[in-house]
Amino acid sequence: MDIFIKLSQFLLSLSLLIILHELGHFIPAKLFKTRVEKFYLFFDVKYSLIKKKIGETEYGIGWLPLGGYVKISGMIDESMDKEQMALPPQPWEFRSKPAYQRLIIMLGGVTVNFILAFIIYIGMAFAYGDTYIANEDLKDGLLVENKAMQNVGFQTGDHIVSVDGEKIVKFDNDLTMKVIMAKEVLIIRNGAEQAIKMPIDFVDQLSKQEKSTLLDIRRPFVIGSINDESTNKELQAKDVVVALNGQAAKYMDQAKTILENNKGKTIPATVLRNQKEEQIQVTVNNDGMLGVNLAGLSIASMEKLGYYKVSKQEFGFLESIPVGITKGKDQLVGYGKQLKMIFSPSTGAYKQVGGFKAIFDIFPNTWSWEVFWGITALLSIMLGVMNLLPIPALDGGHVMFLLYEIISGKKPSDKFLENAQMVGFVLLITLLLFANGNDIYKAIVGK
């Protein structure tokens, strides 16, 4: 069932993005009276799953879920229809239209992608608001268990003040990405400020460590259940361990250290039970554990226990517009920085480029419309940026040649465009194989 939910989200998001992207080309083509021969979700290599011709356009669904396309008459594209291009230009063909119209048609897809992302972020701000923990409320700092983070100098209890000079106002999912791409992170440790220089190949270092959360809030030691073989029968489900052997253990990481130092001993413990503190004795086994299963606590539950204050902002419709635009802008800039890292060999970030499996893995096993729309908005930005790359066979390649034509007044020959399209197609296949090959490699080595 979990895999079905994950797959459903993946296909729904991918289909939505492809259809709207291609509509971005289709609509201006129709407005400029350019014939569109095909409009397809997925590729119809050799045959289609579904197809129906309405007017001059064949609409369909292909069997190969690697994207989608619109086939515009008189345009040199992935169809490489040389027979049509050998005939005299017709008024309804793409090549017969003024350069500015062709430019608008080519920019339509990525324009829709960017507009869609901003609309989603505006809608999310209106529907869900913004729930977060203010950075200033993280009095005891963050949990840092990731080895790569520890190797560059981070420790549990560090309070992050700023990243590359940008003051951190709240703890949210964006903070991790900011730290990954940072040059310098300013922290407070034991009351003193300290700057941590991030290595240029930090992404590569991350890839060589076991996967774990980079930065997280520190969580209490809450008992979920007692193992049958455990001797600690005085413990009960929902107990919150707050002290061990006379030492404060407000957080799980503190409790782990105390237990590790008291292997094989029976020590006093203080637990919070039904909102009252109870004093009991616990036996630590030779592995430094109590023989219990941990319980997960929601942020709301930890707020009730007094660990964190959760801030919630709600926005009216008009208020949601600037909030959504800012979110979209930040994500766009952030993805641009990620691409820069990928194309810089010294960072090693190219080793983490993923294909369809990597995208599939982003989606959770449980259905959440808030998570779904957040991922879809980000993928829409990624699709828009990738399509703008000046590579023949991508929208950005066509735009590059059209801008050359507009500026110079000279149109590249059809033969040149055909050759460029072929080179771009080979390059795209190579990138596709590299990205999905990375997925396969990671699956084999388990990273």
Protein backbone atom coordinates (compact mmCIF):
# COMPACT_ATOMS: atom_id res chain seq x y z
CA MET A 1 0.00 0.00 0.00
CA ASP A 2 2.85 2.40 0.89
CA ILE A 3 4.51 1.93 -2.51
CA PHE A 4 1.17 2.53 -4.23
CA ILE A 5 0.71 5.86 -2.40
CA LYS A 6 4.27 6.89 -3.23
CA LEU A 7 3.86 5.91 -6.90
CA SER A 8 0.49 7.69 -7.15
CA GLN A 9 1.99 10.95 -5.91
CA PHE A 10 4.97 10.60 -8.24
CA LEU A 11 2.84 9.98 -11.35
CA LEU A 12 0.25 12.62 -10.47
CA SER A 13 2.91 15.29 -9.90
CA LEU A 14 4.89 14.33 -13.01
CA SER A 15 1.77 14.24 -15.20
CA LEU A 16 0.55 17.61 -13.92
CA LEU A 17 3.90 19.26 -14.58
CA ILE A 18 4.29 17.77 -18.06
CA ILE A 19 0.76 18.64 -19.20
CA LEU A 20 0.98 22.24 -17.96
CA HIS A 21 4.47 22.68 -19.42
CA GLU A 22 3.31 21.51 -22.83
CA LEU A 23 0.19 23.69 -22.56
CA GLY A 24 2.62 26.57 -22.18
CA HIS A 25 3.82 25.84 -25.72
CA PHE A 26 0.42 24.80 -27.08
CA ILE A 27 -1.58 27.91 -26.14
CA PRO A 28 0.69 30.59 -27.70
CA ALA A 29 1.15 28.34 -30.76
CA LYS A 30 -2.61 28.31 -31.23
CA LEU A 31 -2.87 32.05 -30.56
CA PHE A 32 -0.35 32.68 -33.33
CA LYS A 33 -2.27 30.30 -35.64
CA THR A 34 0.51 27.71 -35.68
CA ARG A 35 -0.55 24.14 -36.35
CA VAL A 36 0.03 21.69 -33.49
CA GLU A 37 0.03 18.12 -34.81
CA LYS A 38 0.40 16.24 -31.52
CA PHE A 39 -0.07 16.86 -27.79
CA TYR A 40 1.21 13.94 -25.71
CA LEU A 41 1.66 13.04 -22.07
CA PHE A 42 4.64 10.65 -22.07
CA PHE A 43 6.32 9.47 -25.26
CA ASP A 44 4.50 7.36 -27.86
CA VAL A 45 7.48 5.47 -29.27
CA LYS A 46 5.98 3.13 -31.92
CA TYR A 47 2.52 3.17 -30.31
CA SER A 48 0.20 5.05 -27.94
CA LEU A 49 -1.81 3.87 -24.96
CA ILE A 50 -4.59 6.35 -25.78
CA LYS A 51 -5.02 8.74 -28.68
CA LYS A 52 -7.79 10.83 -30.18
CA LYS A 53 -7.66 13.41 -32.94
CA ILE A 54 -9.62 16.59 -32.38
CA GLY A 55 -9.41 19.07 -35.22
CA GLU A 56 -5.84 19.19 -36.51
CA THR A 57 -4.27 17.93 -33.25
CA GLU A 58 -3.84 14.36 -32.02
CA TYR A 59 -4.07 14.14 -28.22
CA GLY A 60 -2.72 11.07 -26.47
CA ILE A 61 -0.86 9.26 -23.72
CA GLY A 62 2.32 7.40 -24.58
CA TRP A 63 3.72 4.33 -22.85
CA LEU A 64 7.19 5.72 -22.03
CA PRO A 65 6.92 7.99 -18.93
CA LEU A 66 10.02 10.09 -19.58
CA GLY A 67 8.25 13.35 -20.29
CA GLY A 68 5.84 14.62 -22.91
CA TYR A 69 5.76 16.83 -25.98
CA VAL A 70 3.82 18.91 -28.47
CA LYS A 71 4.71 18.46 -32.14
CA ILE A 72 4.46 21.84 -33.83
CA SER A 73 4.40 21.94 -37.62
CA GLY A 74 7.55 23.30 -39.22
CA MET A 75 9.67 23.07 -36.11
CA ILE A 76 12.94 21.17 -35.84
CA ASP A 77 12.43 19.11 -32.70
CA GLU A 78 12.97 15.61 -31.32
CA SER A 79 10.76 14.12 -34.06
CA MET A 80 13.45 15.08 -36.67
CA ASP A 81 10.75 15.21 -39.36
CA LYS A 82 13.08 15.97 -42.28
CA GLU A 83 10.44 15.26 -44.93
CA GLN A 84 8.24 18.09 -43.69
CA MET A 85 11.20 20.45 -43.39
CA ALA A 86 12.22 19.69 -47.01
CA LEU A 87 8.90 21.09 -48.29
CA PRO A 88 8.30 24.82 -48.88
CA PRO A 89 7.31 26.68 -45.67
CA GLN A 90 3.57 27.00 -45.09
CA PRO A 91 1.82 29.95 -43.37
CA TRP A 92 0.68 27.75 -40.47
CA GLU A 93 4.16 26.43 -39.73
CA PHE A 94 6.42 27.46 -36.86
CA ARG A 95 9.29 28.39 -39.20
CA SER A 96 7.05 30.86 -41.05
CA LYS A 97 6.20 32.88 -37.97
CA PRO A 98 8.09 36.03 -36.91
CA ALA A 99 11.02 35.41 -34.56
CA TYR A 100 9.32 37.11 -31.61
CA GLN A 101 6.30 34.79 -31.93
CA ARG A 102 8.55 31.74 -32.09
CA LEU A 103 10.38 33.01 -29.00
CA ILE A 104 7.11 33.39 -27.07
CA ILE A 105 6.04 29.86 -28.08
CA MET A 106 9.37 28.41 -26.92
CA LEU A 107 9.35 30.31 -23.62
CA GLY A 108 5.75 29.32 -22.89
CA GLY A 109 6.59 26.01 -21.20
CA VAL A 110 9.09 27.30 -18.66
CA THR A 111 6.95 30.39 -18.05
CA VAL A 112 4.08 28.13 -17.01
CA ASN A 113 6.43 26.12 -14.77
CA PHE A 114 7.55 29.22 -12.89
CA ILE A 115 4.04 30.68 -12.65
CA LEU A 116 2.71 27.33 -11.41
CA ALA A 117 5.34 27.15 -8.66
CA PHE A 118 4.54 30.66 -7.43
CA ILE A 119 0.78 29.95 -7.52
CA ILE A 120 1.29 26.77 -5.47
CA TYR A 121 3.40 28.60 -2.88
CA ILE A 122 0.80 31.36 -2.63
CA GLY A 123 -1.95 28.74 -2.24
CA MET A 124 0.04 26.87 0.42
CA ALA A 125 0.63 30.06 2.39
CA PHE A 126 -3.12 30.74 2.31
CA ALA A 127 -4.23 27.16 3.08
CA TYR A 128 -1.60 26.05 5.59
CA GLY A 129 0.08 29.19 6.86
CA ASP A 130 3.59 28.84 8.26
CA THR A 131 4.36 26.60 11.24
CA TYR A 132 7.89 26.67 12.62
CA ILE A 133 10.11 26.91 15.68
CA ALA A 134 11.73 30.32 16.04
CA ASN A 135 15.51 30.00 16.04
CA GLU A 136 15.74 32.12 19.18
CA ASP A 137 13.58 29.54 21.00
CA LEU A 138 16.12 26.76 20.42
CA LYS A 139 17.85 27.64 23.68
CA ASP A 140 19.78 24.34 23.89
CA GLY A 141 20.84 24.24 20.25
CA LEU A 142 20.37 21.52 17.66
CA LEU A 143 21.01 17.79 17.45
CA VAL A 144 24.00 16.95 15.21
CA GLU A 145 24.54 13.21 14.70
CA ASN A 146 25.63 13.24 11.06
CA LYS A 147 29.31 12.26 10.83
CA ALA A 148 30.07 14.65 7.94
CA MET A 149 28.64 17.55 9.94
CA GLN A 150 30.67 16.53 12.98
CA ASN A 151 33.83 16.22 10.87
CA VAL A 152 33.61 19.86 9.75
CA GLY A 153 33.17 21.04 13.33
CA PHE A 154 29.47 20.97 14.30
CA GLN A 155 28.41 19.55 17.68
CA THR A 156 25.11 18.78 19.33
CA GLY A 157 24.04 21.87 21.27
CA ASP A 158 25.35 24.33 18.68
CA HIS A 159 23.02 27.25 18.05
CA ILE A 160 23.19 28.47 14.45
CA VAL A 161 23.18 32.26 14.27
CA SER A 162 23.72 32.95 10.57
CA VAL A 163 24.63 31.29 7.27
CA ASP A 164 26.87 33.30 4.93
CA GLY A 165 25.87 36.43 6.80
CA GLU A 166 22.12 35.75 6.58
CA LYS A 167 20.55 35.74 10.04
CA ILE A 168 18.58 32.57 10.76
CA VAL A 169 15.13 33.50 12.04
CA LYS A 170 13.45 30.09 12.12
CA PHE A 171 14.26 26.41 12.09
CA ASP A 172 12.68 24.75 9.06
CA ASN A 173 13.54 22.43 6.15
CA ASP A 174 15.28 25.24 4.25
CA LEU A 175 17.97 25.59 6.93
CA THR A 176 19.61 22.26 6.08
CA MET A 177 19.99 23.19 2.41
CA LYS A 178 21.38 26.60 3.33
CA VAL A 179 24.05 24.95 5.48
CA ILE A 180 24.94 22.41 2.78
CA MET A 181 25.59 25.19 0.26
CA ALA A 182 27.20 27.60 2.73
CA LYS A 183 30.74 28.92 2.80
CA GLU A 184 30.62 29.91 6.47
CA VAL A 185 28.21 29.19 9.32
CA LEU A 186 28.26 31.28 12.49
CA ILE A 187 27.30 29.38 15.65
CA ILE A 188 27.12 29.95 19.39
CA ARG A 189 28.72 27.21 21.51
CA ASN A 190 28.96 27.45 25.28
CA GLY A 191 28.04 31.13 25.07
CA ALA A 192 30.76 32.05 22.58
CA GLU A 193 30.43 32.76 18.87
CA GLN A 194 32.41 30.57 16.50
CA ALA A 195 32.65 30.50 12.70
CA ILE A 196 32.71 27.16 10.90
CA LYS A 197 34.20 27.18 7.41
CA MET A 198 32.40 24.76 5.12
CA PRO A 199 34.66 22.76 2.76
CA ILE A 200 33.99 23.21 -0.95
CA ASP A 201 33.47 19.45 -1.37
CA PHE A 202 31.06 19.11 1.58
CA VAL A 203 28.35 17.56 -0.62
CA ASP A 204 30.83 14.89 -1.70
CA GLN A 205 31.77 14.28 1.94
CA LEU A 206 28.10 13.85 2.81
CA SER A 207 27.70 11.20 0.12
CA LYS A 208 30.45 9.07 1.69
CA GLN A 209 28.69 8.87 5.08
CA GLU A 210 25.72 6.83 6.17
CA LYS A 211 22.48 8.69 5.52
CA SER A 212 21.22 10.56 8.57
CA THR A 213 19.55 13.87 9.34
CA LEU A 214 22.03 16.74 9.17
CA LEU A 215 20.31 19.05 11.65
CA ASP A 216 17.41 18.27 13.93
CA ILE A 217 15.80 19.49 17.11
CA ARG A 218 16.87 17.73 20.30
CA ARG A 219 14.17 15.35 21.50
CA PRO A 220 13.24 13.97 24.94
CA PHE A 221 13.74 10.31 25.97
CA VAL A 222 10.18 8.97 25.84
CA ILE A 223 9.38 5.30 26.47
CA GLY A 224 7.25 3.63 23.82
CA SER A 225 7.20 0.08 25.18
CA ILE A 226 9.27 -2.26 27.33
CA ASN A 227 10.95 -5.25 25.66
CA ASP A 228 9.98 -8.66 27.05
CA GLU A 229 13.57 -9.47 28.00
CA SER A 230 14.12 -6.13 29.77
CA THR A 231 14.56 -6.13 33.54
CA ASN A 232 13.29 -2.56 33.80
CA LYS A 233 9.67 -3.38 34.60
CA GLU A 234 9.28 -0.23 36.68
CA LEU A 235 9.33 1.79 33.48
CA GLN A 236 6.01 2.41 31.76
CA ALA A 237 4.95 3.44 28.28
CA LYS A 238 4.82 7.24 27.90
CA ASP A 239 7.35 7.80 30.69
CA VAL A 240 9.61 10.75 29.93
CA VAL A 241 13.11 10.21 31.32
CA VAL A 242 14.40 13.53 32.71
CA ALA A 243 17.38 12.43 34.85
CA LEU A 244 19.74 9.44 35.15
CA ASN A 245 22.20 8.75 37.95
CA GLY A 246 21.64 12.22 39.36
CA GLN A 247 22.45 13.93 36.05
CA ALA A 248 19.95 15.93 34.01
CA ALA A 249 18.83 14.08 30.87
CA LYS A 250 16.45 16.57 29.33
CA TYR A 251 17.26 15.25 25.85
CA MET A 252 17.80 11.80 24.41
CA ASP A 253 21.38 12.62 23.39
CA GLN A 254 22.22 13.43 27.03
CA ALA A 255 20.59 10.20 28.20
CA LYS A 256 22.64 8.17 25.69
CA THR A 257 25.89 9.57 27.05
CA ILE A 258 24.94 8.81 30.68
CA LEU A 259 23.83 5.27 29.84
CA GLU A 260 27.02 4.65 27.86
CA ASN A 261 29.04 5.64 30.94
CA ASN A 262 27.05 3.31 33.22
CA LYS A 263 27.00 0.01 31.33
CA GLY A 264 26.07 -2.97 33.50
CA LYS A 265 25.02 -0.80 36.46
CA THR A 266 21.77 -0.14 38.29
CA ILE A 267 21.26 3.59 38.62
CA PRO A 268 18.52 5.96 39.89
CA ALA A 269 16.26 7.57 37.31
CA THR A 270 13.71 10.33 37.37
CA VAL A 271 10.76 9.98 35.00
CA LEU A 272 7.85 12.27 34.25
CA ARG A 273 4.70 10.14 34.55
CA ASN A 274 1.20 11.59 34.33
CA GLN A 275 2.71 15.07 34.76
CA LYS A 276 4.40 14.05 38.03
CA GLU A 277 8.04 13.14 38.66
CA GLU A 278 8.68 9.58 39.87
CA GLN A 279 11.93 8.19 41.29
CA ILE A 280 12.82 4.64 40.17
CA GLN A 281 15.84 2.37 39.71
CA VAL A 282 16.87 1.21 36.22
CA THR A 283 19.41 -1.35 35.08
CA VAL A 284 21.66 -0.48 32.16
CA ASN A 285 22.65 -3.50 30.06
CA ASN A 286 26.12 -4.13 28.69
CA ASP A 287 25.23 -2.29 25.48
CA GLY A 288 24.39 0.89 27.37
CA MET A 289 20.62 0.48 26.89
CA LEU A 290 17.52 0.01 29.04
CA GLY A 291 15.79 -2.56 26.82
CA VAL A 292 12.98 -0.27 25.71
CA ASN A 293 11.51 0.99 22.47
CA LEU A 294 11.35 4.73 21.99
CA ALA A 295 8.17 6.67 21.32
CA GLY A 296 8.05 9.47 18.81
CA LEU A 297 6.60 12.76 19.94
CA SER A 298 5.03 15.33 17.69
CA ILE A 299 6.16 18.94 17.88
CA ALA A 300 2.79 19.76 19.47
CA SER A 301 3.36 17.13 22.20
CA MET A 302 6.86 18.47 22.91
CA GLU A 303 5.36 21.96 23.13
CA LYS A 304 2.94 20.72 25.81
CA LEU A 305 5.90 19.29 27.76
CA GLY A 306 7.56 22.71 27.60
CA TYR A 307 10.41 21.75 25.29
CA TYR A 308 9.61 24.07 22.39
CA LYS A 309 7.33 26.92 21.47
CA VAL A 310 5.74 26.40 18.07
CA SER A 311 5.02 29.57 16.11
CA LYS A 312 2.10 29.64 13.71
CA GLN A 313 1.40 32.36 11.16
CA GLU A 314 -1.80 32.44 9.17
CA PHE A 315 -2.27 34.61 6.10
CA GLY A 316 -5.26 36.11 4.38
CA PHE A 317 -5.43 35.75 0.60
CA LEU A 318 -3.78 39.10 -0.15
CA GLU A 319 -1.13 38.48 2.54
CA SER A 320 -0.38 35.09 0.97
CA ILE A 321 0.71 36.64 -2.33
CA PRO A 322 3.99 38.29 -1.16
CA VAL A 323 4.70 35.32 1.15
CA GLY A 324 4.31 32.84 -1.72
CA ILE A 325 6.34 34.99 -4.11
CA THR A 326 9.18 35.25 -1.58
CA LYS A 327 9.11 31.49 -1.03
CA GLY A 328 9.19 30.85 -4.77
CA LYS A 329 12.04 33.33 -5.27
CA ASP A 330 14.08 31.71 -2.48
CA GLN A 331 13.56 28.24 -3.96
CA LEU A 332 14.49 29.47 -7.44
CA VAL A 333 17.69 31.10 -6.19
CA GLY A 334 18.49 28.05 -4.08
CA TYR A 335 18.11 25.68 -7.01
CA GLY A 336 20.29 27.95 -9.13
CA LYS A 337 23.01 27.62 -6.48
CA GLN A 338 22.62 23.85 -6.49
CA LEU A 339 23.09 23.75 -10.27
CA LYS A 340 26.20 25.88 -9.94
CA MET A 341 27.58 23.36 -7.46
CA ILE A 342 26.73 20.46 -9.77
CA PHE A 343 28.61 22.06 -12.66
CA SER A 344 31.63 22.76 -10.43
CA PRO A 345 33.67 19.51 -10.37
CA SER A 346 35.57 20.56 -7.22
CA THR A 347 32.40 20.31 -5.12
CA GLY A 348 31.75 16.68 -6.05
CA ALA A 349 28.04 17.55 -6.17
CA TYR A 350 27.68 15.96 -9.63
CA LYS A 351 28.05 12.56 -7.96
CA GLN A 352 24.71 13.13 -6.24
CA VAL A 353 22.76 13.89 -9.42
CA GLY A 354 19.77 11.55 -9.53
CA GLY A 355 17.25 10.41 -12.11
CA PHE A 356 13.66 9.26 -11.86
CA LYS A 357 14.27 7.08 -8.81
CA ALA A 358 15.73 10.05 -6.95
CA ILE A 359 12.59 12.06 -7.76
CA PHE A 360 10.39 9.10 -6.80
CA ASP A 361 12.16 8.80 -3.43
CA ILE A 362 11.34 12.41 -2.54
CA PHE A 363 7.67 11.53 -2.12
CA PRO A 364 6.58 10.10 1.26
CA ASN A 365 4.82 6.78 1.86
CA THR A 366 1.81 8.57 3.37
CA TRP A 367 -0.46 10.97 1.56
CA SER A 368 -0.21 14.60 2.54
CA TRP A 369 -1.54 17.28 0.22
CA GLU A 370 0.71 19.86 1.88
CA VAL A 371 3.83 17.76 1.22
CA PHE A 372 2.61 16.84 -2.28
CA TRP A 373 2.10 20.44 -3.34
CA GLY A 374 5.40 21.52 -1.80
CA ILE A 375 7.31 18.86 -3.77
CA THR A 376 5.37 19.62 -6.96
CA ALA A 377 6.18 23.34 -6.70
CA LEU A 378 9.88 22.57 -6.24
CA LEU A 379 9.88 20.11 -9.17
CA SER A 380 8.16 22.73 -11.30
CA ILE A 381 11.00 25.17 -10.59
CA MET A 382 13.55 22.46 -11.34
CA LEU A 383 11.83 21.58 -14.62
CA GLY A 384 11.69 25.24 -15.64
CA VAL A 385 15.34 25.91 -14.85
CA MET A 386 16.56 22.70 -16.52
CA ASN A 387 14.59 23.46 -19.68
CA LEU A 388 16.19 26.91 -19.85
CA LEU A 389 19.70 25.47 -20.09
CA PRO A 390 21.17 26.50 -23.46
CA ILE A 391 21.33 22.93 -24.78
CA PRO A 392 19.96 22.14 -28.25
CA ALA A 393 16.86 19.90 -27.93
CA LEU A 394 15.82 21.79 -24.78
CA ASP A 395 13.67 24.93 -24.82
CA GLY A 396 16.76 26.90 -23.78
CA GLY A 397 18.60 25.75 -26.91
CA HIS A 398 15.80 26.94 -29.17
CA VAL A 399 15.65 30.24 -27.25
CA MET A 400 19.42 30.67 -27.68
CA PHE A 401 19.19 30.35 -31.48
CA LEU A 402 16.12 32.59 -31.64
CA LEU A 403 17.86 35.32 -29.64
CA TYR A 404 20.81 35.06 -32.02
CA GLU A 405 18.40 35.47 -34.93
CA ILE A 406 16.67 38.49 -33.36
CA ILE A 407 19.96 40.22 -32.48
CA SER A 408 21.89 39.44 -35.68
CA GLY A 409 18.99 39.42 -38.11
CA LYS A 410 20.31 36.12 -39.50
CA LYS A 411 18.40 32.87 -39.15
CA PRO A 412 20.51 29.71 -38.69
CA SER A 413 20.03 27.24 -41.54
CA ASP A 414 17.71 24.27 -41.16
CA LYS A 415 20.69 21.97 -41.67
CA PHE A 416 22.57 23.62 -38.80
CA LEU A 417 19.51 23.40 -36.55
CA GLU A 418 19.04 19.71 -37.42
CA ASN A 419 22.66 18.95 -36.53
CA ALA A 420 22.44 20.99 -33.34
CA GLN A 421 19.24 19.16 -32.41
CA MET A 422 20.99 15.82 -32.88
CA VAL A 423 23.98 16.91 -30.77
CA GLY A 424 21.63 18.17 -28.06
CA PHE A 425 19.62 14.96 -28.14
CA VAL A 426 22.77 12.85 -27.69
CA LEU A 427 23.87 15.12 -24.83
CA LEU A 428 20.47 14.78 -23.15
CA ILE A 429 20.54 10.99 -23.45
CA THR A 430 24.03 11.02 -21.93
CA LEU A 431 22.85 13.16 -19.02
CA LEU A 432 19.80 10.94 -18.56
CA LEU A 433 21.94 7.81 -18.50
CA PHE A 434 24.37 9.45 -16.06
CA ALA A 435 21.61 10.58 -13.68
CA ASN A 436 19.78 7.26 -13.68
CA GLY A 437 23.09 5.39 -13.61
CA ASN A 438 23.83 7.27 -10.37
CA ASP A 439 20.51 5.97 -9.01
CA ILE A 440 21.48 2.41 -9.87
CA TYR A 441 24.96 2.79 -8.37
CA LYS A 442 23.58 4.19 -5.11
CA ALA A 443 21.08 1.34 -4.91
CA ILE A 444 23.89 -1.19 -5.33
CA VAL A 445 26.30 0.34 -2.81
CA GLY A 446 23.48 1.35 -0.45
CA LYS A 447 24.16 5.09 -0.38
